[in-house]
Amino acid sequence: MAKIAVIATGGKQYKVKEGETIKVEKLELAAGEKVKFDTLLVAEIDGSQLEIGSPSLGEKVEAEVIDTTKQDKVKVVKYKSKTRYKKNVGHRQLKTTVKILSIA
Protein backbone atom coordinates (compact mmCIF):
# COMPACT_ATOMS: atom_id res chain seq x y z
CA MET A 1 0.00 0.00 0.00
CA ALA A 2 1.06 3.56 -0.64
CA LYS A 3 1.62 5.94 2.24
CA ILE A 4 0.87 9.59 2.69
CA ALA A 5 2.39 11.96 5.23
CA VAL A 6 2.00 15.48 6.53
CA ILE A 7 5.33 17.32 6.88
CA ALA A 8 6.23 20.68 8.39
CA THR A 9 8.82 22.99 6.87
CA GLY A 10 9.16 26.74 6.54
CA GLY A 11 6.27 27.39 8.90
CA LYS A 12 3.85 25.51 6.64
CA GLN A 13 2.43 21.99 6.43
CA TYR A 14 2.31 19.86 3.27
CA LYS A 15 0.50 16.60 2.47
CA VAL A 16 2.87 14.40 0.44
CA LYS A 17 3.08 10.96 -1.21
CA GLU A 18 6.13 8.95 -2.28
CA GLY A 19 7.43 10.03 -5.68
CA GLU A 20 5.64 13.40 -5.53
CA THR A 21 7.42 16.69 -6.35
CA ILE A 22 6.52 19.76 -4.27
CA LYS A 23 7.74 23.35 -3.84
CA VAL A 24 8.59 24.41 -0.27
CA GLU A 25 10.08 27.54 1.29
CA LYS A 26 13.78 28.03 0.48
CA LEU A 27 16.16 25.43 1.94
CA GLU A 28 19.90 26.17 2.22
CA LEU A 29 20.87 23.02 0.28
CA ALA A 30 22.39 22.37 -3.14
CA ALA A 31 20.68 20.37 -5.89
CA GLY A 32 21.03 16.61 -5.38
CA GLU A 33 21.37 16.77 -1.58
CA LYS A 34 19.05 14.73 0.63
CA VAL A 35 16.89 16.25 3.36
CA LYS A 36 14.64 14.80 6.08
CA PHE A 37 11.46 16.60 7.13
CA ASP A 38 9.73 16.81 10.49
CA THR A 39 6.73 14.48 10.15
CA LEU A 40 3.39 15.18 11.83
CA LEU A 41 1.30 12.30 10.45
CA VAL A 42 1.85 9.05 8.52
CA ALA A 43 -1.02 6.99 7.13
CA GLU A 44 -1.97 4.45 4.49
CA ILE A 45 -4.04 5.92 1.66
CA ASP A 46 -7.02 3.69 2.51
CA GLY A 47 -6.85 4.77 6.18
CA SER A 48 -6.06 1.31 7.57
CA GLN A 49 -2.96 2.47 9.46
CA LEU A 50 -2.57 5.88 11.07
CA GLU A 51 0.24 7.39 13.17
CA ILE A 52 -0.22 10.85 14.66
CA GLY A 53 2.59 12.63 16.45
CA SER A 54 2.24 14.75 19.53
CA PRO A 55 3.67 17.11 18.38
CA SER A 56 5.69 15.12 15.79
CA LEU A 57 6.88 11.64 14.86
CA GLY A 58 10.46 12.73 14.12
CA GLU A 59 12.12 12.78 10.71
CA LYS A 60 10.36 10.00 8.78
CA VAL A 61 10.12 11.59 5.30
CA GLU A 62 13.23 11.70 3.11
CA ALA A 63 13.45 13.91 0.02
CA GLU A 64 15.98 15.05 -2.57
CA VAL A 65 16.50 18.70 -3.52
CA ILE A 66 15.97 19.28 -7.25
CA ASP A 67 16.56 23.04 -7.54
CA THR A 68 15.84 26.47 -6.06
CA THR A 69 13.93 29.05 -8.10
CA LYS A 70 12.07 32.33 -7.68
CA GLN A 71 8.29 32.61 -7.83
CA ASP A 72 6.46 35.15 -9.97
CA LYS A 73 6.74 38.74 -8.85
CA VAL A 74 4.13 40.02 -6.40
CA LYS A 75 3.47 43.74 -6.72
CA VAL A 76 2.66 45.76 -3.61
CA VAL A 77 1.24 49.28 -3.97
CA LYS A 78 0.96 51.75 -1.10
CA TYR A 79 -1.23 54.77 -1.84
CA LYS A 80 -2.66 57.66 0.15
CA SER A 81 -5.16 59.92 -1.51
CA LYS A 82 -4.80 63.72 -1.47
CA THR A 83 -1.20 63.61 -0.19
CA ARG A 84 0.67 62.72 -3.41
CA TYR A 85 2.02 59.55 -1.82
CA LYS A 86 2.38 56.41 -3.94
CA LYS A 87 4.94 53.63 -3.59
CA ASN A 88 5.39 50.50 -5.73
CA VAL A 89 7.35 47.51 -4.40
CA GLY A 90 7.96 44.12 -5.99
CA HIS A 91 8.91 40.85 -4.29
CA ARG A 92 9.98 37.44 -5.61
CA GLN A 93 9.98 34.62 -3.03
CA LEU A 94 12.57 31.83 -3.30
CA LYS A 95 11.17 28.28 -3.45
CA THR A 96 12.97 24.93 -3.37
CA THR A 97 11.63 22.03 -5.42
CA VAL A 98 11.99 18.66 -3.68
CA LYS A 99 11.09 15.11 -4.68
CA ILE A 100 9.79 12.82 -1.93
CA LEU A 101 11.87 9.63 -1.96
CA SER A 102 10.51 7.62 0.97
CA ILE A 103 8.09 7.67 3.86
CA ALA A 104 9.17 5.43 6.75
PDB file of N, CA and C in Angstrom:
ATOM      1  N   MET A   1       0.825  -1.185   0.000  1.00  0.00           N
ATOM      2  CA  MET A   1       0.000   0.000   0.000  1.00  0.00           C
ATOM      3  C   MET A   1       0.871   1.251   0.000  1.00  0.00           C
ATOM      4  N   ALA A   2       0.355   2.283  -0.600  1.00  0.00           N
ATOM      5  CA  ALA A   2       1.065   3.557  -0.642  1.00  0.00           C
ATOM      6  C   ALA A   2       0.794   4.343   0.633  1.00  0.00           C
ATOM      7  N   LYS A   3       1.760   5.146   1.028  1.00  0.00           N
ATOM      8  CA  LYS A   3       1.625   5.939   2.241  1.00  0.00           C
ATOM      9  C   LYS A   3       1.536   7.415   1.895  1.00  0.00           C
ATOM     10  N   ILE A   4       0.871   8.144   2.763  1.00  0.00           N
ATOM     11  CA  ILE A   4       0.871   9.594   2.690  1.00  0.00           C
ATOM     12  C   ILE A   4       1.398  10.118   4.018  1.00  0.00           C
ATOM     13  N   ALA A   5       1.874  11.354   4.009  1.00  0.00           N
ATOM     14  CA  ALA A   5       2.395  11.958   5.229  1.00  0.00           C
ATOM     15  C   ALA A   5       2.110  13.445   5.211  1.00  0.00           C
ATOM     16  N   VAL A   6       2.094  14.033   6.398  1.00  0.00           N
ATOM     17  CA  VAL A   6       2.004  15.483   6.535  1.00  0.00           C
ATOM     18  C   VAL A   6       3.322  15.934   7.143  1.00  0.00           C
ATOM     19  N   ILE A   7       4.033  16.828   6.421  1.00  0.00           N
ATOM     20  CA  ILE A   7       5.332  17.316   6.884  1.00  0.00           C
ATOM     21  C   ILE A   7       5.235  18.798   7.208  1.00  0.00           C
ATOM     22  N   ALA A   8       6.163  19.263   8.033  1.00  0.00           N
ATOM     23  CA  ALA A   8       6.225  20.679   8.393  1.00  0.00           C
ATOM     24  C   ALA A   8       7.587  21.226   7.999  1.00  0.00           C
ATOM     25  N   THR A   9       7.582  22.310   7.228  1.00  0.00           N
ATOM     26  CA  THR A   9       8.818  22.990   6.866  1.00  0.00           C
ATOM     27  C   THR A   9       8.500  24.426   6.482  1.00  0.00           C
ATOM     28  N   GLY A  10       9.349  25.341   6.878  1.00  0.00           N
ATOM     29  CA  GLY A  10       9.163  26.742   6.535  1.00  0.00           C
ATOM     30  C   GLY A  10       7.914  27.364   7.130  1.00  0.00           C
ATOM     31  N   GLY A  11       7.455  26.846   8.265  1.00  0.00           N
ATOM     32  CA  GLY A  11       6.266  27.390   8.898  1.00  0.00           C
ATOM     33  C   GLY A  11       4.964  26.957   8.254  1.00  0.00           C
ATOM     34  N   LYS A  12       5.039  25.997   7.338  1.00  0.00           N
ATOM     35  CA  LYS A  12       3.845  25.513   6.643  1.00  0.00           C
ATOM     36  C   LYS A  12       3.782  23.989   6.739  1.00  0.00           C
ATOM     37  N   GLN A  13       2.612  23.434   6.445  1.00  0.00           N
ATOM     38  CA  GLN A  13       2.429  21.990   6.433  1.00  0.00           C
ATOM     39  C   GLN A  13       2.043  21.549   5.032  1.00  0.00           C
ATOM     40  N   TYR A  14       2.569  20.392   4.602  1.00  0.00           N
ATOM     41  CA  TYR A  14       2.309  19.864   3.268  1.00  0.00           C
ATOM     42  C   TYR A  14       1.902  18.397   3.361  1.00  0.00           C
ATOM     43  N   LYS A  15       0.894  18.006   2.573  1.00  0.00           N
ATOM     44  CA  LYS A  15       0.495  16.601   2.475  1.00  0.00           C
ATOM     45  C   LYS A  15       1.237  16.023   1.278  1.00  0.00           C
ATOM     46  N   VAL A  16       2.015  14.945   1.497  1.00  0.00           N
ATOM     47  CA  VAL A  16       2.870  14.403   0.439  1.00  0.00           C
ATOM     48  C   VAL A  16       2.683  12.902   0.287  1.00  0.00           C
ATOM     49  N   LYS A  17       3.040  12.390  -0.906  1.00  0.00           N
ATOM     50  CA  LYS A  17       3.078  10.958  -1.210  1.00  0.00           C
ATOM     51  C   LYS A  17       4.465  10.631  -1.741  1.00  0.00           C
ATOM     52  N   GLU A  18       4.832   9.362  -1.722  1.00  0.00           N
ATOM     53  CA  GLU A  18       6.125   8.951  -2.275  1.00  0.00           C
ATOM     54  C   GLU A  18       6.145   9.226  -3.771  1.00  0.00           C
ATOM     55  N   GLY A  19       7.275   9.749  -4.267  1.00  0.00           N
ATOM     56  CA  GLY A  19       7.433  10.033  -5.681  1.00  0.00           C
ATOM     57  C   GLY A  19       6.898  11.385  -6.106  1.00  0.00           C
ATOM     58  N   GLU A  20       6.237  12.102  -5.209  1.00  0.00           N
ATOM     59  CA  GLU A  20       5.643  13.398  -5.532  1.00  0.00           C
ATOM     60  C   GLU A  20       6.702  14.501  -5.497  1.00  0.00           C
ATOM     61  N   THR A  21       6.530  15.527  -6.328  1.00  0.00           N
ATOM     62  CA  THR A  21       7.418  16.687  -6.351  1.00  0.00           C
ATOM     63  C   THR A  21       6.635  17.893  -5.842  1.00  0.00           C
ATOM     64  N   ILE A  22       7.196  18.599  -4.837  1.00  0.00           N
ATOM     65  CA  ILE A  22       6.518  19.765  -4.269  1.00  0.00           C
ATOM     66  C   ILE A  22       7.493  20.932  -4.173  1.00  0.00           C
ATOM     67  N   LYS A  23       6.942  22.143  -4.052  1.00  0.00           N
ATOM     68  CA  LYS A  23       7.739  23.350  -3.837  1.00  0.00           C
ATOM     69  C   LYS A  23       7.532  23.801  -2.401  1.00  0.00           C
ATOM     70  N   VAL A  24       8.637  23.980  -1.666  1.00  0.00           N
ATOM     71  CA  VAL A  24       8.590  24.414  -0.273  1.00  0.00           C
ATOM     72  C   VAL A  24       9.378  25.706  -0.135  1.00  0.00           C
ATOM     73  N   GLU A  25       9.285  26.338   1.029  1.00  0.00           N
ATOM     74  CA  GLU A  25      10.076  27.539   1.286  1.00  0.00           C
ATOM     75  C   GLU A  25      11.560  27.217   1.135  1.00  0.00           C
ATOM     76  N   LYS A  26      12.369  28.215   0.811  1.00  0.00           N
ATOM     77  CA  LYS A  26      13.778  28.029   0.484  1.00  0.00           C
ATOM     78  C   LYS A  26      14.541  27.234   1.551  1.00  0.00           C
ATOM     79  N   LEU A  27      15.273  26.216   1.089  1.00  0.00           N
ATOM     80  CA  LEU A  27      16.162  25.430   1.937  1.00  0.00           C
ATOM     81  C   LEU A  27      17.598  25.746   1.527  1.00  0.00           C
ATOM     82  N   GLU A  28      18.493  25.848   2.494  1.00  0.00           N
ATOM     83  CA  GLU A  28      19.896  26.173   2.215  1.00  0.00           C
ATOM     84  C   GLU A  28      20.667  24.914   1.825  1.00  0.00           C
ATOM     85  N   LEU A  29      20.232  24.237   0.752  1.00  0.00           N
ATOM     86  CA  LEU A  29      20.869  23.015   0.283  1.00  0.00           C
ATOM     87  C   LEU A  29      21.084  23.099  -1.222  1.00  0.00           C
ATOM     88  N   ALA A  30      22.106  22.399  -1.706  1.00  0.00           N
ATOM     89  CA  ALA A  30      22.390  22.367  -3.141  1.00  0.00           C
ATOM     90  C   ALA A  30      21.561  21.280  -3.809  1.00  0.00           C
ATOM     91  N   ALA A  31      21.435  21.371  -5.120  1.00  0.00           N
ATOM     92  CA  ALA A  31      20.684  20.370  -5.885  1.00  0.00           C
ATOM     93  C   ALA A  31      21.338  19.005  -5.721  1.00  0.00           C
ATOM     94  N   GLY A  32      20.529  17.969  -5.540  1.00  0.00           N
ATOM     95  CA  GLY A  32      21.027  16.609  -5.379  1.00  0.00           C
ATOM     96  C   GLY A  32      21.208  16.180  -3.935  1.00  0.00           C
ATOM     97  N   GLU A  33      21.198  17.122  -2.998  1.00  0.00           N
ATOM     98  CA  GLU A  33      21.366  16.767  -1.584  1.00  0.00           C
ATOM     99  C   GLU A  33      20.065  16.194  -1.033  1.00  0.00           C
ATOM    100  N   LYS A  34      20.197  15.360  -0.021  1.00  0.00           N
ATOM    101  CA  LYS A  34      19.046  14.729   0.626  1.00  0.00           C
ATOM    102  C   LYS A  34      18.679  15.534   1.878  1.00  0.00           C
ATOM    103  N   VAL A  35      17.387  15.537   2.193  1.00  0.00           N
ATOM    104  CA  VAL A  35      16.889  16.252   3.361  1.00  0.00           C
ATOM    105  C   VAL A  35      15.800  15.408   4.016  1.00  0.00           C
ATOM    106  N   LYS A  36      15.705  15.485   5.347  1.00  0.00           N
ATOM    107  CA  LYS A  36      14.642  14.800   6.083  1.00  0.00           C
ATOM    108  C   LYS A  36      13.744  15.859   6.705  1.00  0.00           C
ATOM    109  N   PHE A  37      12.427  15.634   6.625  1.00  0.00           N
ATOM    110  CA  PHE A  37      11.463  16.602   7.127  1.00  0.00           C
ATOM    111  C   PHE A  37      10.824  16.119   8.414  1.00  0.00           C
ATOM    112  N   ASP A  38      10.471  17.080   9.269  1.00  0.00           N
ATOM    113  CA  ASP A  38       9.734  16.805  10.493  1.00  0.00           C
ATOM    114  C   ASP A  38       8.341  16.310  10.101  1.00  0.00           C
ATOM    115  N   THR A  39       7.961  15.124  10.579  1.00  0.00           N
ATOM    116  CA  THR A  39       6.726  14.476  10.150  1.00  0.00           C
ATOM    117  C   THR A  39       5.671  14.568  11.247  1.00  0.00           C
ATOM    118  N   LEU A  40       4.484  15.027  10.870  1.00  0.00           N
ATOM    119  CA  LEU A  40       3.391  15.179  11.831  1.00  0.00           C
ATOM    120  C   LEU A  40       2.430  14.006  11.799  1.00  0.00           C
ATOM    121  N   LEU A  41       2.266  13.376  10.609  1.00  0.00           N
ATOM    122  CA  LEU A  41       1.303  12.296  10.455  1.00  0.00           C
ATOM    123  C   LEU A  41       1.771  11.366   9.345  1.00  0.00           C
ATOM    124  N   VAL A  42       1.587  10.055   9.552  1.00  0.00           N
ATOM    125  CA  VAL A  42       1.852   9.055   8.519  1.00  0.00           C
ATOM    126  C   VAL A  42       0.650   8.126   8.481  1.00  0.00           C
ATOM    127  N   ALA A  43       0.158   7.839   7.250  1.00  0.00           N
ATOM    128  CA  ALA A  43      -1.025   6.989   7.126  1.00  0.00           C
ATOM    129  C   ALA A  43      -0.997   6.247   5.801  1.00  0.00           C
ATOM    130  N   GLU A  44      -1.713   5.132   5.755  1.00  0.00           N
ATOM    131  CA  GLU A  44      -1.967   4.448   4.487  1.00  0.00           C
ATOM    132  C   GLU A  44      -3.049   5.229   3.759  1.00  0.00           C
ATOM    133  N   ILE A  45      -3.060   5.162   2.432  1.00  0.00           N
ATOM    134  CA  ILE A  45      -4.040   5.916   1.660  1.00  0.00           C
ATOM    135  C   ILE A  45      -5.466   5.475   1.982  1.00  0.00           C
ATOM    136  N   ASP A  46      -5.672   4.173   2.208  1.00  0.00           N
ATOM    137  CA  ASP A  46      -7.024   3.690   2.514  1.00  0.00           C
ATOM    138  C   ASP A  46      -7.428   3.931   3.976  1.00  0.00           C
ATOM    139  N   GLY A  47      -6.521   4.455   4.794  1.00  0.00           N
ATOM    140  CA  GLY A  47      -6.845   4.770   6.182  1.00  0.00           C
ATOM    141  C   GLY A  47      -6.718   3.612   7.142  1.00  0.00           C
ATOM    142  N   SER A  48      -6.145   2.476   6.698  1.00  0.00           N
ATOM    143  CA  SER A  48      -6.057   1.309   7.571  1.00  0.00           C
ATOM    144  C   SER A  48      -5.041   1.491   8.697  1.00  0.00           C
ATOM    145  N   GLN A  49      -3.985   2.234   8.443  1.00  0.00           N
ATOM    146  CA  GLN A  49      -2.962   2.466   9.458  1.00  0.00           C
ATOM    147  C   GLN A  49      -2.775   3.967   9.607  1.00  0.00           C
ATOM    148  N   LEU A  50      -2.684   4.454  10.838  1.00  0.00           N
ATOM    149  CA  LEU A  50      -2.567   5.883  11.068  1.00  0.00           C
ATOM    150  C   LEU A  50      -1.672   6.134  12.267  1.00  0.00           C
ATOM    151  N   GLU A  51      -0.635   6.974  12.075  1.00  0.00           N
ATOM    152  CA  GLU A  51       0.241   7.390  13.168  1.00  0.00           C
ATOM    153  C   GLU A  51       0.177   8.898  13.262  1.00  0.00           C
ATOM    154  N   ILE A  52      -0.153   9.406  14.445  1.00  0.00           N
ATOM    155  CA  ILE A  52      -0.222  10.847  14.662  1.00  0.00           C
ATOM    156  C   ILE A  52       0.773  11.200  15.751  1.00  0.00           C
ATOM    157  N   GLY A  53       1.597  12.196  15.483  1.00  0.00           N
ATOM    158  CA  GLY A  53       2.594  12.628  16.452  1.00  0.00           C
ATOM    159  C   GLY A  53       2.029  13.645  17.416  1.00  0.00           C
ATOM    160  N   SER A  54       2.644  13.714  18.588  1.00  0.00           N
ATOM    161  CA  SER A  54       2.236  14.751  19.532  1.00  0.00           C
ATOM    162  C   SER A  54       3.492  15.377  20.131  1.00  0.00           C
ATOM    163  N   PRO A  55       4.103  16.371  19.565  1.00  0.00           N
ATOM    164  CA  PRO A  55       3.673  17.107  18.382  1.00  0.00           C
ATOM    165  C   PRO A  55       4.185  16.520  17.064  1.00  0.00           C
ATOM    166  N   SER A  56       5.230  15.679  17.070  1.00  0.00           N
ATOM    167  CA  SER A  56       5.689  15.125  15.794  1.00  0.00           C
ATOM    168  C   SER A  56       6.185  13.696  15.987  1.00  0.00           C
ATOM    169  N   LEU A  57       6.388  13.024  14.851  1.00  0.00           N
ATOM    170  CA  LEU A  57       6.885  11.645  14.858  1.00  0.00           C
ATOM    171  C   LEU A  57       8.387  11.573  14.640  1.00  0.00           C
ATOM    172  N   GLY A  58       9.031  12.705  14.433  1.00  0.00           N
ATOM    173  CA  GLY A  58      10.457  12.726  14.117  1.00  0.00           C
ATOM    174  C   GLY A  58      10.637  12.933  12.622  1.00  0.00           C
ATOM    175  N   GLU A  59      11.806  12.573  12.123  1.00  0.00           N
ATOM    176  CA  GLU A  59      12.117  12.776  10.706  1.00  0.00           C
ATOM    177  C   GLU A  59      11.907  11.472   9.944  1.00  0.00           C
ATOM    178  N   LYS A  60      10.691  11.249   9.456  1.00  0.00           N
ATOM    179  CA  LYS A  60      10.358   9.995   8.778  1.00  0.00           C
ATOM    180  C   LYS A  60      10.237  10.144   7.268  1.00  0.00           C
ATOM    181  N   VAL A  61      10.258  11.368   6.749  1.00  0.00           N
ATOM    182  CA  VAL A  61      10.118  11.591   5.305  1.00  0.00           C
ATOM    183  C   VAL A  61      11.454  12.066   4.757  1.00  0.00           C
ATOM    184  N   GLU A  62      11.961  11.340   3.743  1.00  0.00           N
ATOM    185  CA  GLU A  62      13.229  11.703   3.110  1.00  0.00           C
ATOM    186  C   GLU A  62      12.955  12.215   1.703  1.00  0.00           C
ATOM    187  N   ALA A  63      13.647  13.296   1.334  1.00  0.00           N
ATOM    188  CA  ALA A  63      13.448  13.906   0.020  1.00  0.00           C
ATOM    189  C   ALA A  63      14.791  14.319  -0.563  1.00  0.00           C
ATOM    190  N   GLU A  64      14.780  14.592  -1.867  1.00  0.00           N
ATOM    191  CA  GLU A  64      15.977  15.045  -2.565  1.00  0.00           C
ATOM    192  C   GLU A  64      15.694  16.420  -3.161  1.00  0.00           C
ATOM    193  N   VAL A  65      16.647  17.350  -2.985  1.00  0.00           N
ATOM    194  CA  VAL A  65      16.500  18.697  -3.520  1.00  0.00           C
ATOM    195  C   VAL A  65      16.751  18.664  -5.026  1.00  0.00           C
ATOM    196  N   ILE A  66      15.811  19.219  -5.797  1.00  0.00           N
ATOM    197  CA  ILE A  66      15.974  19.276  -7.247  1.00  0.00           C
ATOM    198  C   ILE A  66      16.591  20.607  -7.649  1.00  0.00           C
ATOM    199  N   ASP A  67      15.974  21.724  -7.268  1.00  0.00           N
ATOM    200  CA  ASP A  67      16.562  23.037  -7.538  1.00  0.00           C
ATOM    201  C   ASP A  67      15.860  24.103  -6.699  1.00  0.00           C
ATOM    202  N   THR A  68      16.423  25.330  -6.736  1.00  0.00           N
ATOM    203  CA  THR A  68      15.844  26.474  -6.057  1.00  0.00           C
ATOM    204  C   THR A  68      15.571  27.546  -7.097  1.00  0.00           C
ATOM    205  N   THR A  69      14.331  28.043  -7.123  1.00  0.00           N
ATOM    206  CA  THR A  69      13.934  29.047  -8.101  1.00  0.00           C
ATOM    207  C   THR A  69      13.162  30.168  -7.415  1.00  0.00           C
ATOM    208  N   LYS A  70      12.879  31.226  -8.185  1.00  0.00           N
ATOM    209  CA  LYS A  70      12.069  32.329  -7.682  1.00  0.00           C
ATOM    210  C   LYS A  70      10.655  32.202  -8.213  1.00  0.00           C
ATOM    211  N   GLN A  71       9.683  32.593  -7.412  1.00  0.00           N
ATOM    212  CA  GLN A  71       8.290  32.614  -7.835  1.00  0.00           C
ATOM    213  C   GLN A  71       8.045  33.836  -8.708  1.00  0.00           C
ATOM    214  N   ASP A  72       6.839  33.956  -9.228  1.00  0.00           N
ATOM    215  CA  ASP A  72       6.456  35.148  -9.973  1.00  0.00           C
ATOM    216  C   ASP A  72       6.457  36.360  -9.042  1.00  0.00           C
ATOM    217  N   LYS A  73       6.677  37.527  -9.634  1.00  0.00           N
ATOM    218  CA  LYS A  73       6.737  38.745  -8.846  1.00  0.00           C
ATOM    219  C   LYS A  73       5.354  39.119  -8.308  1.00  0.00           C
ATOM    220  N   VAL A  74       5.336  39.516  -7.039  1.00  0.00           N
ATOM    221  CA  VAL A  74       4.129  40.024  -6.401  1.00  0.00           C
ATOM    222  C   VAL A  74       4.318  41.525  -6.264  1.00  0.00           C
ATOM    223  N   LYS A  75       3.380  42.286  -6.790  1.00  0.00           N
ATOM    224  CA  LYS A  75       3.474  43.744  -6.723  1.00  0.00           C
ATOM    225  C   LYS A  75       2.673  44.259  -5.539  1.00  0.00           C
ATOM    226  N   VAL A  76       3.291  45.150  -4.773  1.00  0.00           N
ATOM    227  CA  VAL A  76       2.657  45.759  -3.613  1.00  0.00           C
ATOM    228  C   VAL A  76       2.599  47.257  -3.873  1.00  0.00           C
ATOM    229  N   VAL A  77       1.417  47.847  -3.747  1.00  0.00           N
ATOM    230  CA  VAL A  77       1.244  49.282  -3.968  1.00  0.00           C
ATOM    231  C   VAL A  77       0.724  49.914  -2.692  1.00  0.00           C
ATOM    232  N   LYS A  78       1.423  50.965  -2.245  1.00  0.00           N
ATOM    233  CA  LYS A  78       0.957  51.753  -1.104  1.00  0.00           C
ATOM    234  C   LYS A  78       0.514  53.103  -1.668  1.00  0.00           C
ATOM    235  N   TYR A  79      -0.679  53.544  -1.286  1.00  0.00           N
ATOM    236  CA  TYR A  79      -1.228  54.773  -1.841  1.00  0.00           C
ATOM    237  C   TYR A  79      -2.040  55.506  -0.790  1.00  0.00           C
ATOM    238  N   LYS A  80      -1.847  56.817  -0.714  1.00  0.00           N
ATOM    239  CA  LYS A  80      -2.662  57.660   0.154  1.00  0.00           C
ATOM    240  C   LYS A  80      -3.220  58.788  -0.703  1.00  0.00           C
ATOM    241  N   SER A  81      -4.524  58.897  -0.683  1.00  0.00           N
ATOM    242  CA  SER A  81      -5.155  59.925  -1.506  1.00  0.00           C
ATOM    243  C   SER A  81      -4.913  61.320  -0.930  1.00  0.00           C
ATOM    244  N   LYS A  82      -4.899  62.291  -1.804  1.00  0.00           N
ATOM    245  CA  LYS A  82      -4.799  63.718  -1.469  1.00  0.00           C
ATOM    246  C   LYS A  82      -3.473  64.118  -0.841  1.00  0.00           C
ATOM    247  N   THR A  83      -2.488  63.244  -0.778  1.00  0.00           N
ATOM    248  CA  THR A  83      -1.197  63.608  -0.194  1.00  0.00           C
ATOM    249  C   THR A  83      -0.040  63.380  -1.156  1.00  0.00           C
ATOM    250  N   ARG A  84      -0.342  62.981  -2.381  1.00  0.00           N
ATOM    251  CA  ARG A  84       0.670  62.720  -3.408  1.00  0.00           C
ATOM    252  C   ARG A  84       1.665  61.648  -2.967  1.00  0.00           C
ATOM    253  N   TYR A  85       1.157  60.652  -2.265  1.00  0.00           N
ATOM    254  CA  TYR A  85       2.024  59.546  -1.823  1.00  0.00           C
ATOM    255  C   TYR A  85       1.632  58.272  -2.548  1.00  0.00           C
ATOM    256  N   LYS A  86       2.588  57.690  -3.265  1.00  0.00           N
ATOM    257  CA  LYS A  86       2.381  56.411  -3.943  1.00  0.00           C
ATOM    258  C   LYS A  86       3.723  55.693  -3.997  1.00  0.00           C
ATOM    259  N   LYS A  87       3.704  54.409  -3.617  1.00  0.00           N
ATOM    260  CA  LYS A  87       4.942  53.631  -3.593  1.00  0.00           C
ATOM    261  C   LYS A  87       4.669  52.251  -4.177  1.00  0.00           C
ATOM    262  N   ASN A  88       5.498  51.829  -5.131  1.00  0.00           N
ATOM    263  CA  ASN A  88       5.394  50.500  -5.731  1.00  0.00           C
ATOM    264  C   ASN A  88       6.577  49.660  -5.286  1.00  0.00           C
ATOM    265  N   VAL A  89       6.306  48.437  -4.840  1.00  0.00           N
ATOM    266  CA  VAL A  89       7.350  47.514  -4.402  1.00  0.00           C
ATOM    267  C   VAL A  89       7.064  46.156  -5.017  1.00  0.00           C
ATOM    268  N   GLY A  90       8.108  45.470  -5.475  1.00  0.00           N
ATOM    269  CA  GLY A  90       7.955  44.119  -5.993  1.00  0.00           C
ATOM    270  C   GLY A  90       8.724  43.131  -5.130  1.00  0.00           C
ATOM    271  N   HIS A  91       8.246  41.884  -5.090  1.00  0.00           N
ATOM    272  CA  HIS A  91       8.910  40.849  -4.288  1.00  0.00           C
ATOM    273  C   HIS A  91       8.827  39.509  -5.003  1.00  0.00           C
ATOM    274  N   ARG A  92       9.956  38.783  -5.044  1.00  0.00           N
ATOM    275  CA  ARG A  92       9.978  37.439  -5.614  1.00  0.00           C
ATOM    276  C   ARG A  92      10.493  36.480  -4.549  1.00  0.00           C
ATOM    277  N   GLN A  93       9.640  35.573  -4.087  1.00  0.00           N
ATOM    278  CA  GLN A  93       9.981  34.616  -3.034  1.00  0.00           C
ATOM    279  C   GLN A  93      10.763  33.453  -3.613  1.00  0.00           C
ATOM    280  N   LEU A  94      11.802  32.997  -2.889  1.00  0.00           N
ATOM    281  CA  LEU A  94      12.574  31.828  -3.304  1.00  0.00           C
ATOM    282  C   LEU A  94      11.873  30.556  -2.853  1.00  0.00           C
ATOM    283  N   LYS A  95      11.778  29.578  -3.743  1.00  0.00           N
ATOM    284  CA  LYS A  95      11.165  28.280  -3.450  1.00  0.00           C
ATOM    285  C   LYS A  95      12.136  27.175  -3.841  1.00  0.00           C
ATOM    286  N   THR A  96      12.149  26.095  -3.079  1.00  0.00           N
ATOM    287  CA  THR A  96      12.969  24.935  -3.366  1.00  0.00           C
ATOM    288  C   THR A  96      12.064  23.797  -3.795  1.00  0.00           C
ATOM    289  N   THR A  97      12.389  23.175  -4.928  1.00  0.00           N
ATOM    290  CA  THR A  97      11.633  22.035  -5.424  1.00  0.00           C
ATOM    291  C   THR A  97      12.280  20.773  -4.883  1.00  0.00           C
ATOM    292  N   VAL A  98      11.480  19.917  -4.232  1.00  0.00           N
ATOM    293  CA  VAL A  98      11.988  18.665  -3.681  1.00  0.00           C
ATOM    294  C   VAL A  98      11.144  17.505  -4.165  1.00  0.00           C
ATOM    295  N   LYS A  99      11.793  16.338  -4.303  1.00  0.00           N
ATOM    296  CA  LYS A  99      11.090  15.114  -4.684  1.00  0.00           C
ATOM    297  C   LYS A  99      11.105  14.184  -3.478  1.00  0.00           C
ATOM    298  N   ILE A 100       9.930  13.707  -3.091  1.00  0.00           N
ATOM    299  CA  ILE A 100       9.793  12.822  -1.931  1.00  0.00           C
ATOM    300  C   ILE A 100      10.270  11.424  -2.337  1.00  0.00           C
ATOM    301  N   LEU A 101      11.288  10.941  -1.639  1.00  0.00           N
ATOM    302  CA  LEU A 101      11.868   9.630  -1.955  1.00  0.00           C
ATOM    303  C   LEU A 101      11.208   8.505  -1.153  1.00  0.00           C
ATOM    304  N   SER A 102      11.072   8.705   0.154  1.00  0.00           N
ATOM    305  CA  SER A 102      10.514   7.618   0.965  1.00  0.00           C
ATOM    306  C   SER A 102       9.802   8.161   2.197  1.00  0.00           C
ATOM    307  N   ILE A 103       8.816   7.393   2.628  1.00  0.00           N
ATOM    308  CA  ILE A 103       8.087   7.667   3.858  1.00  0.00           C
ATOM    309  C   ILE A 103       8.240   6.424   4.727  1.00  0.00           C
ATOM    310  N   ALA A 104       8.899   6.577   5.879  1.00  0.00           N
ATOM    311  CA  ALA A 104       9.169   5.432   6.748  1.00  0.00           C
ATOM    312  C   ALA A 104       7.939   5.023   7.521  1.00  0.00           C
TER     313      ALA A 104
END
